[in-house]
């Protein structure tokens, strides 16, 4: 759909997608049935970026995509995963 919608609806409509990787949402889980386990240094260090993602990382891409600066961007998928797609191996 990310590729088809801009072809069908452009130029009036732009369509992009975001594919997030490991995003730590534990701060949003205040009403979770059990206390979330804190992330370890190994969890962060396995990412080429050196850390697990946050909701703010995804929000920053959304803010860019809805801004006038992105008016020429359409039909794209943005992977926000700290480089893990390229690494392709998660530690145990």
PDB file of N, CA and C in Angstrom:
ATOM      1  N   UNK A   1       0.819  -1.194   0.000  1.00  0.00           N
ATOM      2  CA  UNK A   1       0.000   0.000   0.000  1.00  0.00           C
ATOM      3  C   UNK A   1       0.861   1.255   0.000  1.00  0.00           C
ATOM      4  N   UNK A   2       2.008   1.172   0.686  1.00  0.00           N
ATOM      5  CA  UNK A   2       2.895   2.335   0.740  1.00  0.00           C
ATOM      6  C   UNK A   2       3.353   2.733  -0.651  1.00  0.00           C
ATOM      7  N   UNK A   3       3.501   1.765  -1.517  1.00  0.00           N
ATOM      8  CA  UNK A   3       3.935   2.073  -2.877  1.00  0.00           C
ATOM      9  C   UNK A   3       2.762   2.382  -3.794  1.00  0.00           C
ATOM     10  N   UNK A   4       1.630   1.730  -3.578  1.00  0.00           N
ATOM     11  CA  UNK A   4       0.497   1.888  -4.485  1.00  0.00           C
ATOM     12  C   UNK A   4      -0.283   3.185  -4.243  1.00  0.00           C
ATOM     13  N   UNK A   5      -0.473   3.554  -2.990  1.00  0.00           N
ATOM     14  CA  UNK A   5      -1.292   4.742  -2.704  1.00  0.00           C
ATOM     15  C   UNK A   5      -0.762   6.029  -3.336  1.00  0.00           C
ATOM     16  N   UNK A   6       0.531   6.310  -3.282  1.00  0.00           N
ATOM     17  CA  UNK A   6       0.994   7.540  -3.941  1.00  0.00           C
ATOM     18  C   UNK A   6       0.769   7.527  -5.450  1.00  0.00           C
ATOM     19  N   UNK A   7       0.809   6.330  -6.053  1.00  0.00           N
ATOM     20  CA  UNK A   7       0.581   6.239  -7.494  1.00  0.00           C
ATOM     21  C   UNK A   7      -0.886   6.503  -7.815  1.00  0.00           C
ATOM     22  N   UNK A   8      -1.782   6.056  -6.949  1.00  0.00           N
ATOM     23  CA  UNK A   8      -3.216   6.214  -7.180  1.00  0.00           C
ATOM     24  C   UNK A   8      -3.734   7.581  -6.760  1.00  0.00           C
ATOM     25  N   UNK A   9      -3.195   8.130  -5.684  1.00  0.00           N
ATOM     26  CA  UNK A   9      -3.766   9.340  -5.093  1.00  0.00           C
ATOM     27  C   UNK A   9      -2.908  10.590  -5.249  1.00  0.00           C
ATOM     28  N   UNK A  10      -1.674  10.432  -5.715  1.00  0.00           N
ATOM     29  CA  UNK A  10      -0.794  11.587  -5.869  1.00  0.00           C
ATOM     30  C   UNK A  10      -1.227  12.446  -7.028  1.00  0.00           C
ATOM     31  N   UNK A  11      -0.849  13.678  -7.080  1.00  0.00           N
ATOM     32  CA  UNK A  11       0.062  14.354  -6.172  1.00  0.00           C
ATOM     33  C   UNK A  11      -0.607  14.956  -4.929  1.00  0.00           C
ATOM     34  N   UNK A  12      -1.913  14.823  -4.817  1.00  0.00           N
ATOM     35  CA  UNK A  12      -2.605  15.459  -3.689  1.00  0.00           C
ATOM     36  C   UNK A  12      -2.371  14.742  -2.363  1.00  0.00           C
ATOM     37  N   UNK A  13      -2.090  13.444  -2.436  1.00  0.00           N
ATOM     38  CA  UNK A  13      -1.900  12.652  -1.221  1.00  0.00           C
ATOM     39  C   UNK A  13      -0.522  12.010  -1.270  1.00  0.00           C
ATOM     40  N   UNK A  14       0.198  12.125  -0.163  1.00  0.00           N
ATOM     41  CA  UNK A  14       1.466  11.425  -0.001  1.00  0.00           C
ATOM     42  C   UNK A  14       1.229  10.265   0.958  1.00  0.00           C
ATOM     43  N   UNK A  15       1.887   9.143   0.732  1.00  0.00           N
ATOM     44  CA  UNK A  15       1.744   7.981   1.616  1.00  0.00           C
ATOM     45  C   UNK A  15       3.120   7.416   1.913  1.00  0.00           C
ATOM     46  N   UNK A  16       3.419   7.277   3.181  1.00  0.00           N
ATOM     47  CA  UNK A  16       4.669   6.698   3.642  1.00  0.00           C
ATOM     48  C   UNK A  16       4.338   5.760   4.793  1.00  0.00           C
ATOM     49  N   UNK A  17       5.272   4.906   5.138  1.00  0.00           N
ATOM     50  CA  UNK A  17       5.071   4.022   6.279  1.00  0.00           C
ATOM     51  C   UNK A  17       6.305   4.037   7.168  1.00  0.00           C
ATOM     52  N   UNK A  18       6.089   3.658   8.419  1.00  0.00           N
ATOM     53  CA  UNK A  18       7.171   3.552   9.393  1.00  0.00           C
ATOM     54  C   UNK A  18       7.149   2.134   9.941  1.00  0.00           C
ATOM     55  N   UNK A  19       8.293   1.481   9.909  1.00  0.00           N
ATOM     56  CA  UNK A  19       8.449   0.135  10.452  1.00  0.00           C
ATOM     57  C   UNK A  19       9.390   0.220  11.648  1.00  0.00           C
ATOM     58  N   UNK A  20       8.827   0.273  12.841  1.00  0.00           N
ATOM     59  CA  UNK A  20       9.694   0.380  14.020  1.00  0.00           C
ATOM     60  C   UNK A  20      10.284  -0.970  14.399  1.00  0.00           C
ATOM     61  N   UNK A  21      11.451  -0.908  14.991  1.00  0.00           N
ATOM     62  CA  UNK A  21      12.083  -2.101  15.543  1.00  0.00           C
ATOM     63  C   UNK A  21      11.751  -2.198  17.017  1.00  0.00           C
ATOM     64  N   UNK A  22      12.742  -2.522  17.813  1.00  0.00           N
ATOM     65  CA  UNK A  22      12.577  -2.681  19.255  1.00  0.00           C
ATOM     66  C   UNK A  22      12.436  -1.304  19.873  1.00  0.00           C
ATOM     67  N   UNK A  23      11.227  -0.962  20.267  1.00  0.00           N
ATOM     68  CA  UNK A  23      10.934   0.326  20.894  1.00  0.00           C
ATOM     69  C   UNK A  23      10.522   0.057  22.341  1.00  0.00           C
ATOM     70  N   UNK A  24      11.242   0.641  23.277  1.00  0.00           N
ATOM     71  CA  UNK A  24      10.960   0.456  24.701  1.00  0.00           C
ATOM     72  C   UNK A  24       9.769   1.329  25.095  1.00  0.00           C
ATOM     73  N   UNK A  25       8.646   0.691  25.339  1.00  0.00           N
ATOM     74  CA  UNK A  25       7.434   1.404  25.745  1.00  0.00           C
ATOM     75  C   UNK A  25       7.095   1.141  27.210  1.00  0.00           C
ATOM     76  N   UNK A  26       8.070   0.663  27.971  1.00  0.00           N
ATOM     77  CA  UNK A  26       7.807   0.312  29.372  1.00  0.00           C
ATOM     78  C   UNK A  26       7.301   1.498  30.184  1.00  0.00           C
ATOM     79  N   UNK A  27       7.728   2.704  29.854  1.00  0.00           N
ATOM     80  CA  UNK A  27       7.241   3.880  30.581  1.00  0.00           C
ATOM     81  C   UNK A  27       5.751   4.109  30.343  1.00  0.00           C
ATOM     82  N   UNK A  28       5.205   3.561  29.280  1.00  0.00           N
ATOM     83  CA  UNK A  28       3.779   3.708  28.954  1.00  0.00           C
ATOM     84  C   UNK A  28       2.945   2.591  29.556  1.00  0.00           C
ATOM     85  N   UNK A  29       3.592   1.631  30.193  1.00  0.00           N
ATOM     86  CA  UNK A  29       2.895   0.470  30.706  1.00  0.00           C
ATOM     87  C   UNK A  29       2.613   0.598  32.204  1.00  0.00           C
ATOM     88  N   UNK A  30       2.155   1.734  32.633  1.00  0.00           N
ATOM     89  CA  UNK A  30       1.894   1.976  34.051  1.00  0.00           C
ATOM     90  C   UNK A  30       0.848   1.021  34.612  1.00  0.00           C
ATOM     91  N   UNK A  31      -0.077   0.571  33.800  1.00  0.00           N
ATOM     92  CA  UNK A  31      -1.154  -0.299  34.268  1.00  0.00           C
ATOM     93  C   UNK A  31      -0.959  -1.746  33.838  1.00  0.00           C
ATOM     94  N   UNK A  32       0.279  -2.113  33.557  1.00  0.00           N
ATOM     95  CA  UNK A  32       0.562  -3.501  33.158  1.00  0.00           C
ATOM     96  C   UNK A  32       0.349  -4.427  34.351  1.00  0.00           C
ATOM     97  N   UNK A  33      -0.073  -5.665  34.089  1.00  0.00           N
ATOM     98  CA  UNK A  33      -0.335  -6.599  35.187  1.00  0.00           C
ATOM     99  C   UNK A  33       0.906  -6.895  36.029  1.00  0.00           C
ATOM    100  N   UNK A  34       2.082  -6.832  35.422  1.00  0.00           N
ATOM    101  CA  UNK A  34       3.314  -7.041  36.177  1.00  0.00           C
ATOM    102  C   UNK A  34       4.305  -5.935  35.831  1.00  0.00           C
ATOM    103  N   UNK A  35       5.226  -5.731  36.716  1.00  0.00           N
ATOM    104  CA  UNK A  35       6.243  -4.690  36.515  1.00  0.00           C
ATOM    105  C   UNK A  35       7.165  -5.101  35.361  1.00  0.00           C
ATOM    106  N   UNK A  36       7.365  -4.225  34.353  1.00  0.00           N
ATOM    107  CA  UNK A  36       8.252  -4.597  33.246  1.00  0.00           C
ATOM    108  C   UNK A  36       9.700  -4.712  33.737  1.00  0.00           C
ATOM    109  N   UNK A  37      10.422  -5.643  33.154  1.00  0.00           N
ATOM    110  CA  UNK A  37      11.821  -5.828  33.501  1.00  0.00           C
ATOM    111  C   UNK A  37      12.646  -4.706  32.877  1.00  0.00           C
ATOM    112  N   UNK A  38      13.570  -4.142  33.641  1.00  0.00           N
ATOM    113  CA  UNK A  38      14.417  -3.092  33.050  1.00  0.00           C
ATOM    114  C   UNK A  38      15.308  -3.673  31.964  1.00  0.00           C
ATOM    115  N   UNK A  39      15.631  -2.853  30.993  1.00  0.00           N
ATOM    116  CA  UNK A  39      16.505  -3.300  29.913  1.00  0.00           C
ATOM    117  C   UNK A  39      17.944  -3.329  30.407  1.00  0.00           C
ATOM    118  N   UNK A  40      18.693  -4.301  29.944  1.00  0.00           N
ATOM    119  CA  UNK A  40      20.085  -4.449  30.362  1.00  0.00           C
ATOM    120  C   UNK A  40      21.007  -3.681  29.412  1.00  0.00           C
ATOM    121  N   UNK A  41      22.244  -3.554  29.834  1.00  0.00           N
ATOM    122  CA  UNK A  41      23.252  -2.940  28.965  1.00  0.00           C
ATOM    123  C   UNK A  41      23.404  -3.758  27.686  1.00  0.00           C
ATOM    124  N   UNK A  42      23.291  -5.092  27.800  1.00  0.00           N
ATOM    125  CA  UNK A  42      23.394  -5.955  26.612  1.00  0.00           C
ATOM    126  C   UNK A  42      22.256  -5.682  25.637  1.00  0.00           C
ATOM    127  N   UNK A  43      21.061  -5.412  26.170  1.00  0.00           N
ATOM    128  CA  UNK A  43      19.927  -5.080  25.302  1.00  0.00           C
ATOM    129  C   UNK A  43      20.260  -3.858  24.455  1.00  0.00           C
ATOM    130  N   UNK A  44      20.805  -2.851  25.091  1.00  0.00           N
ATOM    131  CA  UNK A  44      21.150  -1.613  24.378  1.00  0.00           C
ATOM    132  C   UNK A  44      22.352  -1.810  23.454  1.00  0.00           C
ATOM    133  N   UNK A  45      23.376  -2.490  23.952  1.00  0.00           N
ATOM    134  CA  UNK A  45      24.630  -2.601  23.207  1.00  0.00           C
ATOM    135  C   UNK A  45      24.525  -3.462  21.954  1.00  0.00           C
ATOM    136  N   UNK A  46      23.523  -4.328  21.867  1.00  0.00           N
ATOM    137  CA  UNK A  46      23.413  -5.156  20.660  1.00  0.00           C
ATOM    138  C   UNK A  46      22.937  -4.351  19.458  1.00  0.00           C
ATOM    139  N   UNK A  47      22.388  -3.175  19.691  1.00  0.00           N
ATOM    140  CA  UNK A  47      21.945  -2.320  18.592  1.00  0.00           C
ATOM    141  C   UNK A  47      23.138  -1.523  18.047  1.00  0.00           C
ATOM    142  N   UNK A  48      23.311  -1.460  16.738  1.00  0.00           N
ATOM    143  CA  UNK A  48      24.391  -0.651  16.182  1.00  0.00           C
ATOM    144  C   UNK A  48      24.337   0.815  16.641  1.00  0.00           C
ATOM    145  N   UNK A  49      23.158   1.309  16.967  1.00  0.00           N
ATOM    146  CA  UNK A  49      23.036   2.684  17.462  1.00  0.00           C
ATOM    147  C   UNK A  49      23.443   2.806  18.921  1.00  0.00           C
ATOM    148  N   UNK A  50      23.596   1.657  19.610  1.00  0.00           N
ATOM    149  CA  UNK A  50      24.022   1.669  21.004  1.00  0.00           C
ATOM    150  C   UNK A  50      22.900   1.739  22.021  1.00  0.00           C
ATOM    151  N   UNK A  51      21.656   1.666  21.549  1.00  0.00           N
ATOM    152  CA  UNK A  51      20.532   1.718  22.484  1.00  0.00           C
ATOM    153  C   UNK A  51      19.269   1.192  21.834  1.00  0.00           C
ATOM    154  N   UNK A  52      18.333   0.793  22.697  1.00  0.00           N
ATOM    155  CA  UNK A  52      16.995   0.409  22.254  1.00  0.00           C
ATOM    156  C   UNK A  52      16.243   1.696  21.924  1.00  0.00           C
ATOM    157  N   UNK A  53      15.332   1.648  20.979  1.00  0.00           N
ATOM    158  CA  UNK A  53      14.578   2.827  20.574  1.00  0.00           C
ATOM    159  C   UNK A  53      13.561   3.270  21.608  1.00  0.00           C
ATOM    160  N   UNK A  54      13.101   4.493  21.443  1.00  0.00           N
ATOM    161  CA  UNK A  54      12.073   5.065  22.308  1.00  0.00           C
ATOM    162  C   UNK A  54      10.912   5.555  21.443  1.00  0.00           C
ATOM    163  N   UNK A  55       9.750   5.749  22.044  1.00  0.00           N
ATOM    164  CA  UNK A  55       8.638   6.318  21.279  1.00  0.00           C
ATOM    165  C   UNK A  55       9.002   7.664  20.645  1.00  0.00           C
ATOM    166  N   UNK A  56       9.883   8.420  21.284  1.00  0.00           N
ATOM    167  CA  UNK A  56      10.302   9.704  20.715  1.00  0.00           C
ATOM    168  C   UNK A  56      11.042   9.538  19.389  1.00  0.00           C
ATOM    169  N   UNK A  57      11.751   8.426  19.223  1.00  0.00           N
ATOM    170  CA  UNK A  57      12.436   8.176  17.953  1.00  0.00           C
ATOM    171  C   UNK A  57      11.431   8.032  16.818  1.00  0.00           C
ATOM    172  N   UNK A  58      10.357   7.314  17.067  1.00  0.00           N
ATOM    173  CA  UNK A  58       9.310   7.143  16.056  1.00  0.00           C
ATOM    174  C   UNK A  58       8.563   8.459  15.847  1.00  0.00           C
ATOM    175  N   UNK A  59       8.266   9.151  16.944  1.00  0.00           N
ATOM    176  CA  UNK A  59       7.551  10.427  16.848  1.00  0.00           C
ATOM    177  C   UNK A  59       8.337  11.450  16.035  1.00  0.00           C
ATOM    178  N   UNK A  60       9.649  11.422  16.134  1.00  0.00           N
ATOM    179  CA  UNK A  60      10.468  12.361  15.355  1.00  0.00           C
ATOM    180  C   UNK A  60      10.303  12.126  13.858  1.00  0.00           C
ATOM    181  N   UNK A  61      10.211  10.859  13.450  1.00  0.00           N
ATOM    182  CA  UNK A  61       9.993  10.564  12.029  1.00  0.00           C
ATOM    183  C   UNK A  61       8.603  10.999  11.599  1.00  0.00           C
ATOM    184  N   UNK A  62       7.621  10.753  12.439  1.00  0.00           N
ATOM    185  CA  UNK A  62       6.255  11.195  12.125  1.00  0.00           C
ATOM    186  C   UNK A  62       6.235  12.714  11.967  1.00  0.00           C
ATOM    187  N   UNK A  63       6.870  13.426  12.905  1.00  0.00           N
ATOM    188  CA  UNK A  63       6.901  14.889  12.829  1.00  0.00           C
ATOM    189  C   UNK A  63       7.540  15.356  11.525  1.00  0.00           C
ATOM    190  N   UNK A  64       8.612  14.695  11.116  1.00  0.00           N
ATOM    191  CA  UNK A  64       9.242  15.059   9.845  1.00  0.00           C
ATOM    192  C   UNK A  64       8.294  14.800   8.677  1.00  0.00           C
ATOM    193  N   UNK A  65       7.671  13.631   8.655  1.00  0.00           N
ATOM    194  CA  UNK A  65       6.827  13.269   7.518  1.00  0.00           C
ATOM    195  C   UNK A  65       5.612  14.168   7.358  1.00  0.00           C
ATOM    196  N   UNK A  66       5.096  14.728   8.438  1.00  0.00           N
ATOM    197  CA  UNK A  66       3.945  15.626   8.316  1.00  0.00           C
ATOM    198  C   UNK A  66       4.370  17.082   8.151  1.00  0.00           C
ATOM    199  N   UNK A  67       5.664  17.334   8.158  1.00  0.00           N
ATOM    200  CA  UNK A  67       6.163  18.704   8.028  1.00  0.00           C
ATOM    201  C   UNK A  67       6.275  19.112   6.560  1.00  0.00           C
ATOM    202  N   UNK A  68       6.346  20.413   6.305  1.00  0.00           N
ATOM    203  CA  UNK A  68       6.540  20.884   4.924  1.00  0.00           C
ATOM    204  C   UNK A  68       7.867  20.419   4.321  1.00  0.00           C
ATOM    205  N   UNK A  69       8.852  20.131   5.160  1.00  0.00           N
ATOM    206  CA  UNK A  69      10.151  19.685   4.647  1.00  0.00           C
ATOM    207  C   UNK A  69      10.057  18.342   3.928  1.00  0.00           C
ATOM    208  N   UNK A  70       9.025  17.556   4.215  1.00  0.00           N
ATOM    209  CA  UNK A  70       8.879  16.231   3.601  1.00  0.00           C
ATOM    210  C   UNK A  70       7.905  16.243   2.426  1.00  0.00           C
ATOM    211  N   UNK A  71       7.617  17.388   1.878  1.00  0.00           N
ATOM    212  CA  UNK A  71       6.594  17.471   0.826  1.00  0.00           C
ATOM    213  C   UNK A  71       6.965  16.721  -0.453  1.00  0.00           C
ATOM    214  N   UNK A  72       8.238  16.359  -0.610  1.00  0.00           N
ATOM    215  CA  UNK A  72       8.669  15.624  -1.801  1.00  0.00           C
ATOM    216  C   UNK A  72       8.868  14.134  -1.495  1.00  0.00           C
ATOM    217  N   UNK A  73       8.547  13.719  -0.274  1.00  0.00           N
ATOM    218  CA  UNK A  73       8.753  12.333   0.154  1.00  0.00           C
ATOM    219  C   UNK A  73       7.424  11.588   0.083  1.00  0.00           C
ATOM    220  N   UNK A  74       7.374  10.542  -0.713  1.00  0.00           N
ATOM    221  CA  UNK A  74       6.165   9.724  -0.812  1.00  0.00           C
ATOM    222  C   UNK A  74       6.533   8.328  -1.295  1.00  0.00           C
ATOM    223  N   UNK A  75       5.747   7.350  -0.876  1.00  0.00           N
ATOM    224  CA  UNK A  75       5.971   5.971  -1.292  1.00  0.00           C
ATOM    225  C   UNK A  75       7.145   5.302  -0.603  1.00  0.00           C
ATOM    226  N   UNK A  76       7.526   5.800   0.565  1.00  0.00           N
ATOM    227  CA  UNK A  76       8.702   5.283   1.250  1.00  0.00           C
ATOM    228  C   UNK A  76       8.345   4.575   2.550  1.00  0.00           C
ATOM    229  N   UNK A  77       9.128   3.581   2.890  1.00  0.00           N
ATOM    230  CA  UNK A  77       9.036   2.910   4.187  1.00  0.00           C
ATOM    231  C   UNK A  77      10.286   3.265   4.977  1.00  0.00           C
ATOM    232  N   UNK A  78      10.102   3.782   6.168  1.00  0.00           N
ATOM    233  CA  UNK A  78      11.214   4.170   7.022  1.00  0.00           C
ATOM    234  C   UNK A  78      11.357   3.155   8.153  1.00  0.00           C
ATOM    235  N   UNK A  79      12.485   2.464   8.176  1.00  0.00           N
ATOM    236  CA  UNK A  79      12.768   1.475   9.213  1.00  0.00           C
ATOM    237  C   UNK A  79      13.506   2.194  10.334  1.00  0.00           C
ATOM    238  N   UNK A  80      12.883   2.189  11.509  1.00  0.00           N
ATOM    239  CA  UNK A  80      13.471   2.853  12.672  1.00  0.00           C
ATOM    240  C   UNK A  80      13.785   1.767  13.685  1.00  0.00           C
ATOM    241  N   UNK A  81      14.977   1.199  13.560  1.00  0.00           N
ATOM    242  CA  UNK A  81      15.318   0.041  14.394  1.00  0.00           C
ATOM    243  C   UNK A  81      16.743   0.088  14.937  1.00  0.00           C
ATOM    244  N   UNK A  82      17.362   1.236  14.917  1.00  0.00           N
ATOM    245  CA  UNK A  82      18.711   1.359  15.462  1.00  0.00           C
ATOM    246  C   UNK A  82      19.747   0.560  14.706  1.00  0.00           C
ATOM    247  N   UNK A  83      19.441   0.171  13.485  1.00  0.00           N
ATOM    248  CA  UNK A  83      20.378  -0.570  12.648  1.00  0.00           C
ATOM    249  C   UNK A  83      20.248  -2.078  12.725  1.00  0.00           C
ATOM    250  N   UNK A  84      19.272  -2.574  13.490  1.00  0.00           N
ATOM    251  CA  UNK A  84      19.152  -4.023  13.683  1.00  0.00           C
ATOM    252  C   UNK A  84      18.790  -4.775  12.402  1.00  0.00           C
ATOM    253  N   UNK A  85      18.101  -4.164  11.470  1.00  0.00           N
ATOM    254  CA  UNK A  85      17.783  -4.836  10.213  1.00  0.00           C
ATOM    255  C   UNK A  85      19.065  -5.207   9.473  1.00  0.00           C
ATOM    256  N   UNK A  86      20.044  -4.371   9.554  1.00  0.00           N
ATOM    257  CA  UNK A  86      21.318  -4.648   8.888  1.00  0.00           C
ATOM    258  C   UNK A  86      22.122  -5.694   9.656  1.00  0.00           C
ATOM    259  N   UNK A  87      22.016  -5.686  10.973  1.00  0.00           N
ATOM    260  CA  UNK A  87      22.750  -6.652  11.795  1.00  0.00           C
ATOM    261  C   UNK A  87      22.132  -8.042  11.685  1.00  0.00           C
ATOM    262  N   UNK A  88      20.808  -8.093  11.754  1.00  0.00           N
ATOM    263  CA  UNK A  88      19.992  -9.286  11.565  1.00  0.00           C
ATOM    264  C   UNK A  88      20.208 -10.377  12.632  1.00  0.00           C
ATOM    265  N   UNK A  89      20.836 -10.063  13.749  1.00  0.00           N
ATOM    266  CA  UNK A  89      21.021 -11.042  14.813  1.00  0.00           C
ATOM    267  C   UNK A  89      20.701 -10.376  16.136  1.00  0.00           C
ATOM    268  N   UNK A  90      19.793 -10.981  16.899  1.00  0.00           N
ATOM    269  CA  UNK A  90      19.507 -10.525  18.256  1.00  0.00           C
ATOM    270  C   UNK A  90      20.233 -11.434  19.224  1.00  0.00           C
ATOM    271  N   UNK A  91      20.827 -10.848  20.236  1.00  0.00           N
ATOM    272  CA  UNK A  91      21.491 -11.625  21.285  1.00  0.00           C
ATOM    273  C   UNK A  91      20.430 -12.262  22.174  1.00  0.00           C
ATOM    274  N   UNK A  92      20.769 -13.338  22.836  1.00  0.00           N
ATOM    275  CA  UNK A  92      19.850 -13.980  23.792  1.00  0.00           C
ATOM    276  C   UNK A  92      19.805 -13.208  25.091  1.00  0.00           C
TER     277      UNK A  92
END
